[in-house]
């Protein structure tokens, strides 16, 4: 069975894990059974700490065991840390986020992945899950984000 290691609140991914037939675990019993490490920057039991150090053991295991990492920025934010800062992990990190902080109530999100063989599969997955987000709302969200981040 596929396992998703989740040391944070897994409420955001419980439905997707169920549909994928994956089991969410909070502890590692067999590293070979884990295929995904799900991390959310905040809220987290590690909030207020250096997340890079707080997750360092898990990230080392991700490198050793060739795990994928889902970094869920929709669940929180981290200015100083991102797992893809580690070159050994960069191609195996999927970052997901939303524009809810600048457009409350809009359910428009985004997904990013460094160059990887999984890019096409993730693009197809993204297309299948955004049937409710219109092209217009996606472009509006992009323009709003541009306005917010411009100096």
C-alpha atoms as a PDB file:
ATOM      1  CA  UNK A   1       0.000   0.000   0.000  1.00  0.00           C
ATOM      2  CA  UNK A   2       1.089   3.550  -0.720  1.00  0.00           C
ATOM      3  CA  UNK A   3       1.630   5.708   2.334  1.00  0.00           C
ATOM      4  CA  UNK A   4       1.659   9.478   2.671  1.00  0.00           C
ATOM      5  CA  UNK A   5       3.699  10.626   5.639  1.00  0.00           C
ATOM      6  CA  UNK A   6       2.011  13.637   7.189  1.00  0.00           C
ATOM      7  CA  UNK A   7       3.379  15.152  10.390  1.00  0.00           C
ATOM      8  CA  UNK A   8       1.052  18.153  10.162  1.00  0.00           C
ATOM      9  CA  UNK A   9      -2.720  18.466   9.891  1.00  0.00           C
ATOM     10  CA  UNK A  10      -3.760  16.218   7.020  1.00  0.00           C
ATOM     11  CA  UNK A  11      -7.360  17.430   6.710  1.00  0.00           C
ATOM     12  CA  UNK A  12      -6.520  19.194   3.442  1.00  0.00           C
ATOM     13  CA  UNK A  13      -5.432  15.973   1.733  1.00  0.00           C
ATOM     14  CA  UNK A  14      -7.601  13.315   3.373  1.00  0.00           C
ATOM     15  CA  UNK A  15     -10.092  13.193   0.497  1.00  0.00           C
ATOM     16  CA  UNK A  16      -7.433  13.039  -2.213  1.00  0.00           C
ATOM     17  CA  UNK A  17      -5.545  10.337  -0.314  1.00  0.00           C
ATOM     18  CA  UNK A  18      -8.715   8.280  -0.008  1.00  0.00           C
ATOM     19  CA  UNK A  19      -9.477   8.597  -3.725  1.00  0.00           C
ATOM     20  CA  UNK A  20      -5.899   7.572  -4.562  1.00  0.00           C
ATOM     21  CA  UNK A  21      -6.118   4.572  -2.248  1.00  0.00           C
ATOM     22  CA  UNK A  22      -3.258   5.890  -0.115  1.00  0.00           C
ATOM     23  CA  UNK A  23      -2.935   5.585   3.630  1.00  0.00           C
ATOM     24  CA  UNK A  24      -1.981   8.665   5.648  1.00  0.00           C
ATOM     25  CA  UNK A  25       0.500   7.907   8.425  1.00  0.00           C
ATOM     26  CA  UNK A  26       2.002  10.202  11.049  1.00  0.00           C
ATOM     27  CA  UNK A  27       4.989   7.985  11.828  1.00  0.00           C
ATOM     28  CA  UNK A  28       7.328   5.898   9.702  1.00  0.00           C
ATOM     29  CA  UNK A  29       7.175   2.169  10.290  1.00  0.00           C
ATOM     30  CA  UNK A  30       8.732   1.172   6.956  1.00  0.00           C
ATOM     31  CA  UNK A  31      10.371   3.935   4.856  1.00  0.00           C
ATOM     32  CA  UNK A  32       9.961   1.794   1.731  1.00  0.00           C
ATOM     33  CA  UNK A  33       6.157   2.028   2.084  1.00  0.00           C
ATOM     34  CA  UNK A  34       6.173   5.839   2.122  1.00  0.00           C
ATOM     35  CA  UNK A  35       6.061   7.453  -1.299  1.00  0.00           C
ATOM     36  CA  UNK A  36       4.984  11.000  -0.427  1.00  0.00           C
ATOM     37  CA  UNK A  37       5.939  13.364   2.379  1.00  0.00           C
ATOM     38  CA  UNK A  38       3.218  15.990   2.895  1.00  0.00           C
ATOM     39  CA  UNK A  39       4.366  19.194   4.574  1.00  0.00           C
ATOM     40  CA  UNK A  40       2.499  22.392   5.337  1.00  0.00           C
ATOM     41  CA  UNK A  41       4.531  25.393   6.454  1.00  0.00           C
ATOM     42  CA  UNK A  42       1.969  26.697   8.969  1.00  0.00           C
ATOM     43  CA  UNK A  43      -0.185  26.119  10.950  1.00  0.00           C
ATOM     44  CA  UNK A  44       2.039  23.434  12.288  1.00  0.00           C
ATOM     45  CA  UNK A  45       3.404  22.148  15.558  1.00  0.00           C
ATOM     46  CA  UNK A  46       6.656  23.645  14.276  1.00  0.00           C
ATOM     47  CA  UNK A  47       5.197  27.139  13.784  1.00  0.00           C
ATOM     48  CA  UNK A  48       7.520  29.816  15.000  1.00  0.00           C
ATOM     49  CA  UNK A  49      10.577  27.586  14.545  1.00  0.00           C
ATOM     50  CA  UNK A  50      13.069  27.396  11.728  1.00  0.00           C
ATOM     51  CA  UNK A  51      11.126  25.060   9.440  1.00  0.00           C
ATOM     52  CA  UNK A  52      14.244  24.006   7.581  1.00  0.00           C
ATOM     53  CA  UNK A  53      15.696  22.630  10.806  1.00  0.00           C
ATOM     54  CA  UNK A  54      12.358  21.310  12.022  1.00  0.00           C
ATOM     55  CA  UNK A  55      11.947  19.202   8.911  1.00  0.00           C
ATOM     56  CA  UNK A  56      15.617  18.360   8.269  1.00  0.00           C
ATOM     57  CA  UNK A  57      15.391  14.708   9.409  1.00  0.00           C
ATOM     58  CA  UNK A  58      12.317  14.121   7.262  1.00  0.00           C
ATOM     59  CA  UNK A  59      13.926  15.790   4.254  1.00  0.00           C
ATOM     60  CA  UNK A  60      17.046  13.652   4.654  1.00  0.00           C
ATOM     61  CA  UNK A  61      14.824  10.563   4.657  1.00  0.00           C
ATOM     62  CA  UNK A  62      13.053  11.871   1.554  1.00  0.00           C
ATOM     63  CA  UNK A  63      16.398  12.043  -0.264  1.00  0.00           C
ATOM     64  CA  UNK A  64      17.494   8.610   0.975  1.00  0.00           C
ATOM     65  CA  UNK A  65      14.191   6.908   0.139  1.00  0.00           C
ATOM     66  CA  UNK A  66      13.359   8.837  -3.048  1.00  0.00           C
ATOM     67  CA  UNK A  67      10.064  10.205  -1.696  1.00  0.00           C
ATOM     68  CA  UNK A  68       8.010  12.866  -3.402  1.00  0.00           C
ATOM     69  CA  UNK A  69       7.286  15.950  -1.306  1.00  0.00           C
ATOM     70  CA  UNK A  70       4.080  17.964  -1.391  1.00  0.00           C
ATOM     71  CA  UNK A  71       4.694  21.448   0.047  1.00  0.00           C
ATOM     72  CA  UNK A  72       1.216  22.845   0.730  1.00  0.00           C
ATOM     73  CA  UNK A  73       1.455  26.629   0.745  1.00  0.00           C
ATOM     74  CA  UNK A  74      -2.352  26.810   0.619  1.00  0.00           C
ATOM     75  CA  UNK A  75      -2.276  25.646   4.248  1.00  0.00           C
ATOM     76  CA  UNK A  76       0.194  28.338   5.325  1.00  0.00           C
ATOM     77  CA  UNK A  77       3.217  30.339   4.298  1.00  0.00           C
ATOM     78  CA  UNK A  78       6.932  30.280   4.842  1.00  0.00           C
ATOM     79  CA  UNK A  79       9.138  33.106   3.676  1.00  0.00           C
ATOM     80  CA  UNK A  80      12.490  31.624   4.649  1.00  0.00           C
ATOM     81  CA  UNK A  81      12.143  27.963   3.769  1.00  0.00           C
ATOM     82  CA  UNK A  82      11.075  25.758   0.874  1.00  0.00           C
ATOM     83  CA  UNK A  83      12.065  22.080   0.503  1.00  0.00           C
ATOM     84  CA  UNK A  84      13.107  22.670  -3.128  1.00  0.00           C
ATOM     85  CA  UNK A  85      15.999  24.799  -1.819  1.00  0.00           C
ATOM     86  CA  UNK A  86      17.740  21.442  -1.436  1.00  0.00           C
ATOM     87  CA  UNK A  87      19.062  20.601  -4.927  1.00  0.00           C
ATOM     88  CA  UNK A  88      18.683  16.871  -4.241  1.00  0.00           C
ATOM     89  CA  UNK A  89      14.959  17.345  -3.654  1.00  0.00           C
ATOM     90  CA  UNK A  90      14.054  20.109  -6.105  1.00  0.00           C
ATOM     91  CA  UNK A  91      12.819  17.859  -8.911  1.00  0.00           C
ATOM     92  CA  UNK A  92      10.656  15.836  -6.496  1.00  0.00           C
ATOM     93  CA  UNK A  93       8.845  18.746  -4.794  1.00  0.00           C
ATOM     94  CA  UNK A  94       5.308  19.639  -5.814  1.00  0.00           C
ATOM     95  CA  UNK A  95       4.259  23.015  -4.437  1.00  0.00           C
ATOM     96  CA  UNK A  96       0.582  23.845  -4.198  1.00  0.00           C
ATOM     97  CA  UNK A  97      -0.964  27.145  -3.218  1.00  0.00           C
ATOM     98  CA  UNK A  98      -3.943  29.422  -3.617  1.00  0.00           C
ATOM     99  CA  UNK A  99      -4.764  33.082  -4.072  1.00  0.00           C
ATOM    100  CA  UNK A 100      -7.104  33.184  -1.068  1.00  0.00           C
ATOM    101  CA  UNK A 101      -4.862  35.646   0.779  1.00  0.00           C
ATOM    102  CA  UNK A 102      -5.325  38.295  -1.946  1.00  0.00           C
ATOM    103  CA  UNK A 103      -8.741  37.203  -3.231  1.00  0.00           C
ATOM    104  CA  UNK A 104     -10.761  35.882  -0.276  1.00  0.00           C
ATOM    105  CA  UNK A 105     -13.566  33.594  -1.351  1.00  0.00           C
ATOM    106  CA  UNK A 106     -12.036  32.746  -4.722  1.00  0.00           C
ATOM    107  CA  UNK A 107     -11.240  29.071  -4.971  1.00  0.00           C
ATOM    108  CA  UNK A 108      -8.397  29.385  -7.438  1.00  0.00           C
ATOM    109  CA  UNK A 109      -5.175  27.555  -6.739  1.00  0.00           C
ATOM    110  CA  UNK A 110      -1.909  26.754  -8.407  1.00  0.00           C
ATOM    111  CA  UNK A 111       0.601  23.936  -8.587  1.00  0.00           C
ATOM    112  CA  UNK A 112       4.318  24.091  -9.439  1.00  0.00           C
ATOM    113  CA  UNK A 113       6.938  21.439 -10.041  1.00  0.00           C
ATOM    114  CA  UNK A 114      10.600  21.784 -10.926  1.00  0.00           C
ATOM    115  CA  UNK A 115      11.640  20.053 -14.164  1.00  0.00           C
ATOM    116  CA  UNK A 116      10.574  16.458 -13.823  1.00  0.00           C
ATOM    117  CA  UNK A 117       9.208  13.475 -15.655  1.00  0.00           C
ATOM    118  CA  UNK A 118       6.002  13.982 -13.655  1.00  0.00           C
ATOM    119  CA  UNK A 119       5.260  17.444 -15.077  1.00  0.00           C
ATOM    120  CA  UNK A 120       2.971  16.175 -17.848  1.00  0.00           C
ATOM    121  CA  UNK A 121       1.067  13.881 -15.479  1.00  0.00           C
ATOM    122  CA  UNK A 122       0.602  16.703 -12.972  1.00  0.00           C
ATOM    123  CA  UNK A 123      -0.551  19.046 -15.722  1.00  0.00           C
ATOM    124  CA  UNK A 124      -3.181  16.490 -16.768  1.00  0.00           C
ATOM    125  CA  UNK A 125      -4.216  16.023 -13.123  1.00  0.00           C
ATOM    126  CA  UNK A 126      -4.491  19.782 -12.655  1.00  0.00           C
ATOM    127  CA  UNK A 127      -6.708  20.043 -15.733  1.00  0.00           C
ATOM    128  CA  UNK A 128      -8.997  17.317 -14.412  1.00  0.00           C
ATOM    129  CA  UNK A 129      -9.400  18.946 -11.002  1.00  0.00           C
ATOM    130  CA  UNK A 130     -10.003  22.509 -12.189  1.00  0.00           C
ATOM    131  CA  UNK A 131     -13.169  21.886 -14.123  1.00  0.00           C
ATOM    132  CA  UNK A 132     -14.922  24.334 -11.795  1.00  0.00           C
ATOM    133  CA  UNK A 133     -12.356  27.122 -12.176  1.00  0.00           C
ATOM    134  CA  UNK A 134     -13.012  29.070 -15.331  1.00  0.00           C
ATOM    135  CA  UNK A 135     -10.212  30.374 -17.489  1.00  0.00           C
ATOM    136  CA  UNK A 136     -11.423  33.909 -16.729  1.00  0.00           C
ATOM    137  CA  UNK A 137     -11.095  33.403 -12.961  1.00  0.00           C
ATOM    138  CA  UNK A 138      -7.596  31.963 -13.386  1.00  0.00           C
ATOM    139  CA  UNK A 139      -6.438  34.976 -15.437  1.00  0.00           C
ATOM    140  CA  UNK A 140      -8.101  37.364 -12.967  1.00  0.00           C
ATOM    141  CA  UNK A 141      -6.296  35.665 -10.091  1.00  0.00           C
ATOM    142  CA  UNK A 142      -2.954  35.931 -11.907  1.00  0.00           C
ATOM    143  CA  UNK A 143      -3.464  39.659 -12.535  1.00  0.00           C
ATOM    144  CA  UNK A 144      -4.443  40.254  -8.895  1.00  0.00           C
ATOM    145  CA  UNK A 145      -1.322  38.476  -7.672  1.00  0.00           C
ATOM    146  CA  UNK A 146       0.802  40.578 -10.061  1.00  0.00           C
ATOM    147  CA  UNK A 147      -0.756  43.763  -8.660  1.00  0.00           C
ATOM    148  CA  UNK A 148      -0.124  42.693  -5.085  1.00  0.00           C
ATOM    149  CA  UNK A 149       3.527  41.732  -5.573  1.00  0.00           C
ATOM    150  CA  UNK A 150       4.568  44.709  -7.722  1.00  0.00           C
ATOM    151  CA  UNK A 151       6.685  47.249  -5.827  1.00  0.00           C
END
